[in-house]
C-alpha cells in the first residue's frame, strides 16, 4: 500500500456537490450532496457500481458536465499556487487553463479520446502548447520526453504514429503522457484500466503509482475494482446512488468495513470465494436504483441485509465519523461492526 506524508491543506476539496440532469422525464440528481477531499501527493479511490455518480463527479470537477446537466449547488475548491480557488461558476476561459495545466484527466477509453487524424506526438505536444509558452520544437521535445517517461518502447518512432497503430495499452500510456505533460498537481483517472487485459492493467497501475512517487502528483482514481484500490490507493470513498456512504483510509476500510454496501462489495470479490472449495461467489441482491427513482430513507435499504424498519426506509442517515477518520452513512454502523 503506498504511503505519503499527510497534508494539512487538501489539494482538492468538494463540499455538498449537487449535479443534476433536467430531462423531459424530470430532474435526475446524479450527484447528490457529495463531499470529498484529496490530499497533496495521495491517491483517493472513488469506488462504486456503474451508475452511482462517479464519472459525473469527475466531470463536475472539470466543468465538463454536458447539457442538460448542470451543477446546482456546492463547492469545488482546488489549491493552485498555494491558494484555493473555486471551480464552480469559474469562467470557461479560466477553466480551460485549469484543465490540463493544474488538473490532468485520463479517460476510460483512449481510442475515443485520441484524435485519429493526428499523430500521438502532435497530440501530446498540443497539450503542452495549450498551457506553456513554448515553440513547436520545444513542445515536440517535451512530448518525446513524456513518451519515454510513460515507458513507451521506441518513442522516437512512436511519436509519429497514429492512435490506430498502437495497442490499447500503448494508447492508455499516451493518455497518461498527455495528462502529465504540464505537471498537474492532480490527475483524475476514470476507470483507466477497464478495457485492458490483466497484464497491461498491472503495468498501467504500476506506472501511475511510480509517477505519483516521482512527481508528487495527487490522483483521484475512479473505479469499481476493489482489487485496484487495495493495490494503489491511500484513501477510499465508497459511492452509492449519488452519495458517499463510507470514507476512510484504505487500510482501515479493508480491515474494518462498516457500511452494509461496503461489506457486500468486499464479500463479492472473487478472492473471497476462493477460501472454500466450490464456494459460490457472494452477490448483493438487486441493482443501483436509477437517479429518477431513488428510494426514500437510506438509498441502500431495499438491498440491505441489515435493514431495520421503519427508520432505514424513512430517514436518510447522515455521514458521521464512527472512529477517527472513518465516516459512514448508516443508522446501524456502530452495531454492524461485530457482525462483519
Protein backbone atom coordinates (compact mmCIF):
# COMPACT_ATOMS: atom_id res chain seq x y z
CA UNK A 1 0.00 0.00 0.00
CA UNK A 2 1.52 3.35 -1.00
CA UNK A 3 2.13 5.82 1.77
CA UNK A 4 2.65 9.55 1.73
CA UNK A 5 3.14 12.11 4.46
CA UNK A 6 -0.19 13.65 5.47
CA UNK A 7 -1.00 17.15 4.25
CA UNK A 8 -2.80 19.73 6.36
CA UNK A 9 -4.33 21.50 3.36
CA UNK A 10 -6.31 19.37 0.89
CA UNK A 11 -5.41 19.86 -2.75
CA UNK A 12 -8.99 19.26 -3.86
CA UNK A 13 -11.99 19.90 -1.62
CA UNK A 14 -15.56 19.11 -2.71
CA UNK A 15 -18.34 20.26 -0.39
CA UNK A 16 -22.00 19.19 -0.74
CA UNK A 17 -21.85 18.99 -4.53
CA UNK A 18 -25.18 18.53 -6.33
CA UNK A 19 -25.14 17.85 -10.08
CA UNK A 20 -28.43 17.08 -11.77
CA UNK A 21 -29.76 16.49 -15.28
CA UNK A 22 -33.01 18.17 -16.27
CA UNK A 23 -34.76 15.98 -18.82
CA UNK A 24 -38.26 15.65 -20.20
CA UNK A 25 -38.83 12.92 -17.61
CA UNK A 26 -37.91 15.37 -14.82
CA UNK A 27 -34.93 16.20 -12.63
CA UNK A 28 -32.28 13.45 -12.29
CA UNK A 29 -29.85 14.03 -9.37
CA UNK A 30 -26.75 12.07 -10.45
CA UNK A 31 -24.54 13.54 -7.70
CA UNK A 32 -26.42 14.44 -4.55
CA UNK A 33 -24.56 16.24 -1.77
CA UNK A 34 -21.11 14.70 -2.27
CA UNK A 35 -18.24 15.89 -0.06
CA UNK A 36 -14.68 14.68 -0.73
CA UNK A 37 -11.11 15.81 -0.32
CA UNK A 38 -7.87 14.71 -1.94
CA UNK A 39 -4.64 15.47 -0.11
CA UNK A 40 -1.48 16.57 -1.88
CA UNK A 41 0.56 13.65 -3.15
CA UNK A 42 -2.00 11.00 -2.17
CA UNK A 43 -4.31 8.70 -4.12
CA UNK A 44 -8.03 8.63 -3.34
CA UNK A 45 -10.06 5.77 -4.77
CA UNK A 46 -13.70 6.61 -5.60
CA UNK A 47 -15.49 3.26 -5.70
CA UNK A 48 -18.98 2.15 -6.67
CA UNK A 49 -21.12 0.32 -9.19
CA UNK A 50 -21.87 1.71 -12.65
CA UNK A 51 -24.46 4.47 -12.48
CA UNK A 52 -23.67 5.60 -8.93
CA UNK A 53 -22.33 9.03 -9.99
CA UNK A 54 -18.55 8.54 -10.02
CA UNK A 55 -17.89 9.81 -13.54
CA UNK A 56 -20.35 12.71 -13.17
CA UNK A 57 -18.39 13.76 -10.08
CA UNK A 58 -15.21 13.81 -12.19
CA UNK A 59 -16.89 15.78 -14.98
CA UNK A 60 -18.19 18.26 -12.41
CA UNK A 61 -14.66 18.91 -11.13
CA UNK A 62 -13.50 19.72 -14.66
CA UNK A 63 -16.58 21.73 -15.58
CA UNK A 64 -17.42 19.26 -18.36
CA UNK A 65 -20.97 18.28 -17.41
CA UNK A 66 -22.87 18.33 -20.69
CA UNK A 67 -26.34 19.81 -21.13
CA UNK A 68 -28.99 19.06 -19.89
CA UNK A 69 -26.83 18.53 -16.81
CA UNK A 70 -25.56 21.28 -14.53
CA UNK A 71 -24.06 21.84 -11.11
CA UNK A 72 -26.92 23.10 -8.97
CA UNK A 73 -25.09 23.78 -5.70
CA UNK A 74 -22.00 23.04 -3.68
CA UNK A 75 -18.34 23.96 -3.83
CA UNK A 76 -15.27 22.55 -5.61
CA UNK A 77 -12.05 24.18 -4.45
CA UNK A 78 -8.60 23.47 -5.89
CA UNK A 79 -5.39 24.68 -4.27
CA UNK A 80 -3.39 26.40 -7.02
CA UNK A 81 -0.12 28.15 -6.24
CA UNK A 82 -0.91 27.79 -2.54
CA UNK A 83 -4.30 29.50 -2.74
CA UNK A 84 -7.59 27.56 -3.04
CA UNK A 85 -9.77 28.73 -5.94
CA UNK A 86 -13.45 27.99 -6.51
CA UNK A 87 -14.11 25.99 -9.69
CA UNK A 88 -17.93 26.11 -9.57
CA UNK A 89 -19.00 29.13 -11.60
CA UNK A 90 -15.49 29.81 -12.90
CA UNK A 91 -15.50 31.33 -16.42
CA UNK A 92 -14.86 28.80 -19.18
CA UNK A 93 -11.68 30.53 -20.33
CA UNK A 94 -10.13 30.18 -16.87
CA UNK A 95 -11.38 26.58 -16.57
CA UNK A 96 -9.55 25.68 -19.79
CA UNK A 97 -6.35 26.86 -18.13
CA UNK A 98 -7.06 24.62 -15.13
CA UNK A 99 -7.78 21.55 -17.30
CA UNK A 100 -4.52 20.03 -18.36
CA UNK A 101 -2.49 22.71 -16.61
CA UNK A 102 -3.47 22.10 -12.98
CA UNK A 103 -5.70 19.03 -13.38
CA UNK A 104 -4.98 16.20 -15.82
CA UNK A 105 -7.60 13.71 -16.98
CA UNK A 106 -7.16 10.08 -18.05
CA UNK A 107 -10.32 8.80 -19.70
CA UNK A 108 -11.65 5.26 -19.70
CA UNK A 109 -11.35 4.54 -23.44
CA UNK A 110 -8.33 6.18 -25.10
CA UNK A 111 -9.43 5.33 -28.65
CA UNK A 112 -12.41 7.66 -28.31
CA UNK A 113 -10.34 10.34 -26.56
CA UNK A 114 -7.42 10.49 -29.00
CA UNK A 115 -7.90 12.17 -32.38
CA UNK A 116 -7.42 9.53 -35.10
CA UNK A 117 -6.13 12.00 -37.74
CA UNK A 118 -3.21 13.41 -35.69
CA UNK A 119 -0.05 11.63 -34.61
CA UNK A 120 0.36 10.92 -30.92
CA UNK A 121 3.34 13.28 -30.84
CA UNK A 122 1.23 16.13 -32.20
CA UNK A 123 -1.48 15.45 -29.61
CA UNK A 124 0.89 15.37 -26.62
CA UNK A 125 2.71 18.46 -27.96
CA UNK A 126 -0.62 20.29 -28.36
CA UNK A 127 -1.40 19.64 -24.69
CA UNK A 128 1.94 21.26 -23.84
CA UNK A 129 1.47 24.30 -26.10
CA UNK A 130 -2.01 24.97 -24.70
CA UNK A 131 -0.55 25.63 -21.24
CA UNK A 132 3.05 26.63 -21.79
CA UNK A 133 4.62 29.32 -23.93
CA UNK A 134 6.98 27.11 -25.91
CA UNK A 135 7.90 26.67 -29.56
CA UNK A 136 6.74 23.71 -31.67
CA UNK A 137 10.21 22.18 -31.39
CA UNK A 138 10.21 22.54 -27.59
CA UNK A 139 6.70 21.05 -27.37
CA UNK A 140 7.77 18.08 -29.51
CA UNK A 141 10.84 17.55 -27.33
CA UNK A 142 8.57 17.58 -24.26
CA UNK A 143 6.23 15.07 -25.96
CA UNK A 144 9.17 12.75 -26.63
CA UNK A 145 10.29 13.13 -23.01
CA UNK A 146 6.81 12.20 -21.79
CA UNK A 147 6.60 9.13 -24.05
CA UNK A 148 9.87 7.95 -22.53
CA UNK A 149 8.54 8.69 -19.04
CA UNK A 150 5.47 6.50 -19.55
CA UNK A 151 7.69 3.71 -20.89
CA UNK A 152 6.55 3.55 -24.50
CA UNK A 153 9.05 1.44 -26.42
CA UNK A 154 10.96 3.09 -29.27
CA UNK A 155 9.46 6.55 -28.58
CA UNK A 156 11.40 8.18 -31.45
CA UNK A 157 9.38 6.07 -33.89
CA UNK A 158 6.07 6.02 -31.98
CA UNK A 159 5.90 9.80 -31.73
CA UNK A 160 5.00 9.99 -35.44
CA UNK A 161 2.48 7.14 -35.40
CA UNK A 162 -1.31 7.42 -35.24
CA UNK A 163 -3.56 6.02 -32.48
CA UNK A 164 -4.78 3.09 -34.60
CA UNK A 165 -1.19 1.90 -34.96
CA UNK A 166 -0.82 1.43 -31.19
CA UNK A 167 -2.10 -1.28 -28.87
CA UNK A 168 -4.70 -0.48 -26.20
CA UNK A 169 -2.03 -0.41 -23.50
CA UNK A 170 0.15 1.98 -25.52
CA UNK A 171 -2.80 4.29 -26.21
CA UNK A 172 -3.52 4.44 -22.49
CA UNK A 173 0.13 5.33 -21.88
CA UNK A 174 -0.26 8.16 -24.40
CA UNK A 175 -3.29 9.42 -22.46
CA UNK A 176 -1.20 9.37 -19.27
CA UNK A 177 1.59 11.25 -21.07
CA UNK A 178 -0.91 13.93 -22.16
CA UNK A 179 -2.39 14.18 -18.66
CA UNK A 180 1.04 14.64 -17.06
CA UNK A 181 2.74 16.71 -19.76
CA UNK A 182 2.25 20.00 -17.91
CA UNK A 183 2.95 18.51 -14.48
CA UNK A 184 -0.53 18.99 -12.97
CA UNK A 185 -0.91 18.79 -9.22
CA UNK A 186 -3.96 16.49 -9.60
CA UNK A 187 -4.73 13.69 -12.07
CA UNK A 188 -8.25 12.27 -12.39
CA UNK A 189 -8.18 8.71 -13.75
CA UNK A 190 -11.64 7.46 -14.74
CA UNK A 191 -11.54 3.64 -14.96
CA UNK A 192 -8.11 3.83 -16.67
CA UNK A 193 -7.65 0.05 -16.97
CA UNK A 194 -11.16 -1.23 -17.75
CA UNK A 195 -10.58 -2.03 -21.44
CA UNK A 196 -7.15 -3.63 -20.89
CA UNK A 197 -6.11 -7.21 -20.19
CA UNK A 198 -4.89 -8.14 -16.72
CA UNK A 199 -1.17 -7.92 -17.51
CA UNK A 200 -1.45 -4.47 -19.10
CA UNK A 201 -3.72 -3.32 -16.23
CA UNK A 202 -0.99 -4.15 -13.74
CA UNK A 203 1.60 -2.28 -15.82
CA UNK A 204 -0.57 0.84 -16.09
CA UNK A 205 -1.31 0.87 -12.35
CA UNK A 206 2.36 0.38 -11.54
CA UNK A 207 3.18 3.25 -13.89
CA UNK A 208 0.66 5.58 -12.21
CA UNK A 209 2.00 4.68 -8.78
CA UNK A 210 5.58 5.23 -9.90
CA UNK A 211 4.78 8.60 -11.49
CA UNK A 212 2.97 9.70 -8.36
CA UNK A 213 6.01 8.85 -6.26
CA UNK A 214 8.40 10.62 -8.63
CA UNK A 215 6.32 13.70 -9.47
CA UNK A 216 4.29 14.11 -6.26
CA UNK A 217 1.04 14.18 -8.22
CA UNK A 218 -2.21 13.54 -6.35
CA UNK A 219 -4.58 11.07 -8.03
CA UNK A 220 -8.35 10.69 -7.91
CA UNK A 221 -8.83 7.12 -9.14
CA UNK A 222 -12.39 6.28 -10.19
CA UNK A 223 -13.02 2.55 -10.33
CA UNK A 224 -15.38 -0.30 -9.50
CA UNK A 225 -12.47 -2.67 -8.84
CA UNK A 226 -11.63 -3.07 -5.16
CA UNK A 227 -8.52 -5.05 -6.06
CA UNK A 228 -7.16 -1.98 -7.87
CA UNK A 229 -7.99 0.18 -4.86
CA UNK A 230 -6.20 -2.17 -2.47
CA UNK A 231 -3.06 -2.06 -4.61
CA UNK A 232 -2.86 1.66 -5.36
CA UNK A 233 -4.89 3.89 -3.04
CA UNK A 234 -4.12 5.63 0.24
CA UNK A 235 -7.73 6.61 0.93
CA UNK A 236 -11.11 5.30 -0.25
CA UNK A 237 -14.56 6.81 -0.70
CA UNK A 238 -17.43 4.41 -1.47
CA UNK A 239 -20.27 5.91 -3.52
CA UNK A 240 -23.82 4.61 -3.85
CA UNK A 241 -26.81 6.19 -5.60
CA UNK A 242 -25.26 9.66 -5.80
CA UNK A 243 -23.96 9.79 -2.22
CA UNK A 244 -20.78 8.91 -0.35
CA UNK A 245 -21.69 6.08 2.04
CA UNK A 246 -18.27 5.36 3.54
CA UNK A 247 -14.86 7.04 3.58
CA UNK A 248 -11.65 6.03 5.35
CA UNK A 249 -8.01 5.21 4.75
CA UNK A 250 -7.62 2.16 2.53
CA UNK A 251 -6.05 0.12 5.33
CA UNK A 252 -8.90 0.95 7.71
CA UNK A 253 -11.69 0.36 5.21
CA UNK A 254 -10.44 -3.06 4.08
CA UNK A 255 -9.76 -4.15 7.66
CA UNK A 256 -12.98 -2.80 9.15
CA UNK A 257 -15.79 -2.02 6.66
CA UNK A 258 -18.79 -0.51 8.45
CA UNK A 259 -21.42 0.20 5.78
CA UNK A 260 -23.55 -2.76 4.59
CA UNK A 261 -22.81 -1.84 0.96
CA UNK A 262 -19.04 -1.84 1.52
CA UNK A 263 -19.34 -5.13 3.43
CA UNK A 264 -21.24 -6.59 0.47
CA UNK A 265 -18.70 -5.32 -2.08
CA UNK A 266 -15.80 -6.85 -0.17
CA UNK A 267 -17.64 -10.15 0.23
CA UNK A 268 -18.37 -10.21 -3.52
CA UNK A 269 -14.71 -10.13 -4.54
CA UNK A 270 -13.64 -13.32 -6.39
CA UNK A 271 -10.79 -13.90 -3.91
CA UNK A 272 -13.37 -14.07 -1.09
CA UNK A 273 -14.93 -17.13 -2.74
CA UNK A 274 -11.60 -18.91 -3.16
CA UNK A 275 -11.26 -19.52 0.56
CA UNK A 276 -13.56 -22.53 0.36
CA UNK A 277 -13.56 -25.24 -2.32
CA UNK A 278 -16.63 -24.99 -4.51
CA UNK A 279 -17.87 -21.89 -2.67
CA UNK A 280 -20.12 -19.72 -4.83
CA UNK A 281 -19.44 -16.04 -5.37
CA UNK A 282 -21.38 -13.82 -2.98
CA UNK A 283 -23.60 -11.18 -4.60
CA UNK A 284 -25.54 -8.13 -3.46
CA UNK A 285 -29.20 -8.62 -4.42
CA UNK A 286 -30.85 -6.04 -6.66
CA UNK A 287 -29.22 -3.15 -8.52
CA UNK A 288 -28.36 0.52 -8.04
CA UNK A 289 -31.67 2.42 -8.40
CA UNK A 290 -31.88 4.93 -11.28
CA UNK A 291 -31.49 8.55 -10.09
CA UNK A 292 -35.05 9.44 -11.04
CA UNK A 293 -36.34 6.69 -8.73
CA UNK A 294 -34.14 6.88 -5.63
CA UNK A 295 -35.98 5.30 -2.67
CA UNK A 296 -36.86 7.26 0.44
CA UNK A 297 -34.69 6.98 3.54
CA UNK A 298 -31.36 5.19 3.14
CA UNK A 299 -30.91 4.59 -0.57
CA UNK A 300 -29.36 1.19 0.04
CA UNK A 301 -32.19 -0.10 2.25
CA UNK A 302 -34.04 -2.12 -0.49
CA UNK A 303 -30.86 -4.24 -0.91
CA UNK A 304 -29.66 -4.25 2.70
CA UNK A 305 -29.47 -7.45 4.74
CA UNK A 306 -29.18 -5.38 7.94
CA UNK A 307 -32.43 -3.45 7.33
CA UNK A 308 -34.14 -2.07 10.45
CA UNK A 309 -37.67 -0.81 9.83
CA UNK A 310 -39.08 1.77 9.85
CA UNK A 311 -36.07 4.08 10.35
CA UNK A 312 -33.95 2.83 7.43
CA UNK A 313 -36.72 3.24 4.87
CA UNK A 314 -37.94 6.58 6.19
CA UNK A 315 -34.90 8.57 7.35
CA UNK A 316 -31.79 9.42 5.33
CA UNK A 317 -28.72 8.74 7.53
CA UNK A 318 -26.04 11.39 7.88
CA UNK A 319 -22.40 10.75 7.01
CA UNK A 320 -20.91 10.57 10.51
CA UNK A 321 -17.50 9.82 11.96
CA UNK A 322 -17.62 6.44 13.71
CA UNK A 323 -13.92 6.21 14.55
CA UNK A 324 -11.24 8.86 13.87
CA UNK A 325 -11.06 9.40 10.11
CA UNK A 326 -13.70 6.74 9.34
CA UNK A 327 -17.01 8.18 8.08
CA UNK A 328 -20.13 6.10 7.44
CA UNK A 329 -23.66 6.88 6.22
CA UNK A 330 -25.65 4.22 8.10
CA UNK A 331 -28.01 4.30 11.08
CA UNK A 332 -26.67 0.95 12.29
CA UNK A 333 -22.95 1.40 11.53
CA UNK A 334 -21.78 1.14 15.12
CA UNK A 335 -23.80 -2.04 15.71
CA UNK A 336 -22.78 -3.75 12.45
CA UNK A 337 -19.10 -3.95 13.29
CA UNK A 338 -19.38 -7.16 15.30
CA UNK A 339 -21.31 -8.96 12.55
CA UNK A 340 -18.93 -8.06 9.72
